Amino acid sequence: MVSLPYLCFLVFSRIAFKWSFMSGLYLSLFSLRMQVRIAEGVL
């Protein structure tokens, strides 16, 4: 039998990891797009 706090921690850590991964992905895509836009402006 798994204890309830451990189960809650497991679920929370999985959700937090997924959210941090998604936000990191969006941030990297956004920064890449901004870099391309700046490069086009310079060129």
PDB file of N, CA and C in Angstrom:
ATOM      1  N   MET A   1       0.851  -1.203   0.000  1.00  0.00           N
ATOM      2  CA  MET A   1       0.000   0.000   0.000  1.00  0.00           C
ATOM      3  C   MET A   1       0.882   1.247   0.000  1.00  0.00           C
ATOM      4  N   VAL A   2       0.681   2.097  -0.994  1.00  0.00           N
ATOM      5  CA  VAL A   2       1.452   3.338  -1.084  1.00  0.00           C
ATOM      6  C   VAL A   2       0.769   4.405  -0.250  1.00  0.00           C
ATOM      7  N   SER A   3       1.545   5.167   0.489  1.00  0.00           N
ATOM      8  CA  SER A   3       0.964   6.213   1.337  1.00  0.00           C
ATOM      9  C   SER A   3       0.435   7.362   0.478  1.00  0.00           C
ATOM     10  N   LEU A   4      -0.577   8.027   0.998  1.00  0.00           N
ATOM     11  CA  LEU A   4      -1.240   9.096   0.239  1.00  0.00           C
ATOM     12  C   LEU A   4      -0.332  10.292  -0.038  1.00  0.00           C
ATOM     13  N   PRO A   5       0.428  10.800   0.948  1.00  0.00           N
ATOM     14  CA  PRO A   5       1.312  11.943   0.662  1.00  0.00           C
ATOM     15  C   PRO A   5       2.323  11.636  -0.447  1.00  0.00           C
ATOM     16  N   TYR A   6       2.849  10.397  -0.442  1.00  0.00           N
ATOM     17  CA  TYR A   6       3.814  10.012  -1.479  1.00  0.00           C
ATOM     18  C   TYR A   6       3.153  10.021  -2.856  1.00  0.00           C
ATOM     19  N   LEU A   7       1.897   9.538  -2.917  1.00  0.00           N
ATOM     20  CA  LEU A   7       1.163   9.503  -4.175  1.00  0.00           C
ATOM     21  C   LEU A   7       0.918  10.929  -4.680  1.00  0.00           C
ATOM     22  N   CYS A   8       0.502  11.811  -3.764  1.00  0.00           N
ATOM     23  CA  CYS A   8       0.262  13.214  -4.128  1.00  0.00           C
ATOM     24  C   CYS A   8       1.557  13.857  -4.624  1.00  0.00           C
ATOM     25  N   PHE A   9       2.660  13.564  -3.940  1.00  0.00           N
ATOM     26  CA  PHE A   9       3.953  14.126  -4.342  1.00  0.00           C
ATOM     27  C   PHE A   9       4.341  13.625  -5.730  1.00  0.00           C
ATOM     28  N   LEU A  10       4.086  12.352  -6.012  1.00  0.00           N
ATOM     29  CA  LEU A  10       4.413  11.763  -7.308  1.00  0.00           C
ATOM     30  C   LEU A  10       3.631  12.462  -8.416  1.00  0.00           C
ATOM     31  N   VAL A  11       2.328  12.607  -8.218  1.00  0.00           N
ATOM     32  CA  VAL A  11       1.472  13.248  -9.220  1.00  0.00           C
ATOM     33  C   VAL A  11       1.894  14.705  -9.421  1.00  0.00           C
ATOM     34  N   PHE A  12       2.148  15.413  -8.299  1.00  0.00           N
ATOM     35  CA  PHE A  12       2.534  16.820  -8.382  1.00  0.00           C
ATOM     36  C   PHE A  12       3.866  16.980  -9.109  1.00  0.00           C
ATOM     37  N   SER A  13       4.824  16.100  -8.819  1.00  0.00           N
ATOM     38  CA  SER A  13       6.135  16.214  -9.464  1.00  0.00           C
ATOM     39  C   SER A  13       6.031  15.947 -10.963  1.00  0.00           C
ATOM     40  N   ARG A  14       5.163  14.997 -11.348  1.00  0.00           N
ATOM     41  CA  ARG A  14       4.990  14.713 -12.778  1.00  0.00           C
ATOM     42  C   ARG A  14       4.372  15.910 -13.482  1.00  0.00           C
ATOM     43  N   ILE A  15       3.348  16.520 -12.853  1.00  0.00           N
ATOM     44  CA  ILE A  15       2.691  17.685 -13.452  1.00  0.00           C
ATOM     45  C   ILE A  15       3.663  18.851 -13.536  1.00  0.00           C
ATOM     46  N   ALA A  16       4.432  19.066 -12.455  1.00  0.00           N
ATOM     47  CA  ALA A  16       5.381  20.175 -12.434  1.00  0.00           C
ATOM     48  C   ALA A  16       6.465  19.981 -13.500  1.00  0.00           C
ATOM     49  N   PHE A  17       6.923  18.736 -13.671  1.00  0.00           N
ATOM     50  CA  PHE A  17       7.949  18.463 -14.674  1.00  0.00           C
ATOM     51  C   PHE A  17       7.404  18.732 -16.071  1.00  0.00           C
ATOM     52  N   LYS A  18       6.156  18.293 -16.324  1.00  0.00           N
ATOM     53  CA  LYS A  18       5.561  18.496 -17.639  1.00  0.00           C
ATOM     54  C   LYS A  18       5.402  19.989 -17.920  1.00  0.00           C
ATOM     55  N   TRP A  19       4.936  20.752 -16.910  1.00  0.00           N
ATOM     56  CA  TRP A  19       4.742  22.187 -17.094  1.00  0.00           C
ATOM     57  C   TRP A  19       6.065  22.898 -17.333  1.00  0.00           C
ATOM     58  N   SER A  20       7.104  22.546 -16.559  1.00  0.00           N
ATOM     59  CA  SER A  20       8.405  23.201 -16.727  1.00  0.00           C
ATOM     60  C   SER A  20       8.993  22.862 -18.098  1.00  0.00           C
ATOM     61  N   PHE A  21       8.794  21.608 -18.553  1.00  0.00           N
ATOM     62  CA  PHE A  21       9.297  21.201 -19.868  1.00  0.00           C
ATOM     63  C   PHE A  21       8.591  21.989 -20.974  1.00  0.00           C
ATOM     64  N   MET A  22       7.250  22.102 -20.873  1.00  0.00           N
ATOM     65  CA  MET A  22       6.481  22.810 -21.889  1.00  0.00           C
ATOM     66  C   MET A  22       6.846  24.292 -21.911  1.00  0.00           C
ATOM     67  N   SER A  23       6.971  24.904 -20.722  1.00  0.00           N
ATOM     68  CA  SER A  23       7.292  26.332 -20.657  1.00  0.00           C
ATOM     69  C   SER A  23       8.703  26.580 -21.204  1.00  0.00           C
ATOM     70  N   GLY A  24       9.621  25.676 -20.917  1.00  0.00           N
ATOM     71  CA  GLY A  24      10.972  25.809 -21.446  1.00  0.00           C
ATOM     72  C   GLY A  24      10.988  25.697 -22.962  1.00  0.00           C
ATOM     73  N   LEU A  25      10.174  24.785 -23.485  1.00  0.00           N
ATOM     74  CA  LEU A  25      10.076  24.600 -24.931  1.00  0.00           C
ATOM     75  C   LEU A  25       9.526  25.866 -25.585  1.00  0.00           C
ATOM     76  N   TYR A  26       8.441  26.411 -25.002  1.00  0.00           N
ATOM     77  CA  TYR A  26       7.844  27.630 -25.557  1.00  0.00           C
ATOM     78  C   TYR A  26       8.824  28.801 -25.491  1.00  0.00           C
ATOM     79  N   LEU A  27       9.559  28.899 -24.367  1.00  0.00           N
ATOM     80  CA  LEU A  27      10.515  30.002 -24.215  1.00  0.00           C
ATOM     81  C   LEU A  27      11.629  29.902 -25.251  1.00  0.00           C
ATOM     82  N   SER A  28      12.134  28.689 -25.489  1.00  0.00           N
ATOM     83  CA  SER A  28      13.215  28.523 -26.458  1.00  0.00           C
ATOM     84  C   SER A  28      12.719  28.829 -27.872  1.00  0.00           C
ATOM     85  N   LEU A  29      11.487  28.398 -28.184  1.00  0.00           N
ATOM     86  CA  LEU A  29      10.927  28.695 -29.503  1.00  0.00           C
ATOM     87  C   LEU A  29      10.736  30.197 -29.678  1.00  0.00           C
ATOM     88  N   PHE A  30      10.236  30.856 -28.610  1.00  0.00           N
ATOM     89  CA  PHE A  30      10.003  32.300 -28.678  1.00  0.00           C
ATOM     90  C   PHE A  30      11.311  33.061 -28.865  1.00  0.00           C
ATOM     91  N   SER A  31      12.351  32.676 -28.112  1.00  0.00           N
ATOM     92  CA  SER A  31      13.642  33.363 -28.223  1.00  0.00           C
ATOM     93  C   SER A  31      14.254  33.124 -29.607  1.00  0.00           C
ATOM     94  N   LEU A  32      14.062  31.920 -30.135  1.00  0.00           N
ATOM     95  CA  LEU A  32      14.570  31.613 -31.475  1.00  0.00           C
ATOM     96  C   LEU A  32      13.885  32.494 -32.514  1.00  0.00           C
ATOM     97  N   ARG A  33      12.575  32.660 -32.385  1.00  0.00           N
ATOM     98  CA  ARG A  33      11.818  33.490 -33.317  1.00  0.00           C
ATOM     99  C   ARG A  33      12.264  34.949 -33.219  1.00  0.00           C
ATOM    100  N   MET A  34      12.513  35.405 -31.987  1.00  0.00           N
ATOM    101  CA  MET A  34      12.966  36.788 -31.810  1.00  0.00           C
ATOM    102  C   MET A  34      14.351  36.986 -32.411  1.00  0.00           C
ATOM    103  N   GLN A  35      15.219  35.991 -32.261  1.00  0.00           N
ATOM    104  CA  GLN A  35      16.562  36.086 -32.830  1.00  0.00           C
ATOM    105  C   GLN A  35      16.492  36.155 -34.353  1.00  0.00           C
ATOM    106  N   VAL A  36      15.610  35.352 -34.937  1.00  0.00           N
ATOM    107  CA  VAL A  36      15.443  35.371 -36.395  1.00  0.00           C
ATOM    108  C   VAL A  36      14.937  36.740 -36.844  1.00  0.00           C
ATOM    109  N   ARG A  37      13.989  37.295 -36.079  1.00  0.00           N
ATOM    110  CA  ARG A  37      13.429  38.602 -36.423  1.00  0.00           C
ATOM    111  C   ARG A  37      14.500  39.693 -36.333  1.00  0.00           C
ATOM    112  N   ILE A  38      15.346  39.620 -35.301  1.00  0.00           N
ATOM    113  CA  ILE A  38      16.430  40.605 -35.139  1.00  0.00           C
ATOM    114  C   ILE A  38      17.446  40.458 -36.268  1.00  0.00           C
ATOM    115  N   ALA A  39      17.754  39.204 -36.635  1.00  0.00           N
ATOM    116  CA  ALA A  39      18.712  38.963 -37.711  1.00  0.00           C
ATOM    117  C   ALA A  39      18.169  39.504 -39.031  1.00  0.00           C
ATOM    118  N   GLU A  40      16.868  39.323 -39.264  1.00  0.00           N
ATOM    119  CA  GLU A  40      16.276  39.857 -40.500  1.00  0.00           C
ATOM    120  C   GLU A  40      16.321  41.376 -40.503  1.00  0.00           C
ATOM    121  N   GLY A  41      16.114  41.978 -39.319  1.00  0.00           N
ATOM    122  CA  GLY A  41      16.156  43.434 -39.220  1.00  0.00           C
ATOM    123  C   GLY A  41      17.562  43.960 -39.498  1.00  0.00           C
ATOM    124  N   VAL A  42      18.572  43.226 -39.011  1.00  0.00           N
ATOM    125  CA  VAL A  42      19.960  43.646 -39.227  1.00  0.00           C
ATOM    126  C   VAL A  42      20.331  43.469 -40.701  1.00  0.00           C
ATOM    127  N   LEU A  43      19.947  42.344 -41.273  1.00  0.00           N
ATOM    128  CA  LEU A  43      20.265  42.086 -42.666  1.00  0.00           C
ATOM    129  C   LEU A  43      19.338  42.916 -43.569  1.00  0.00           C
TER     130      LEU A  43
END
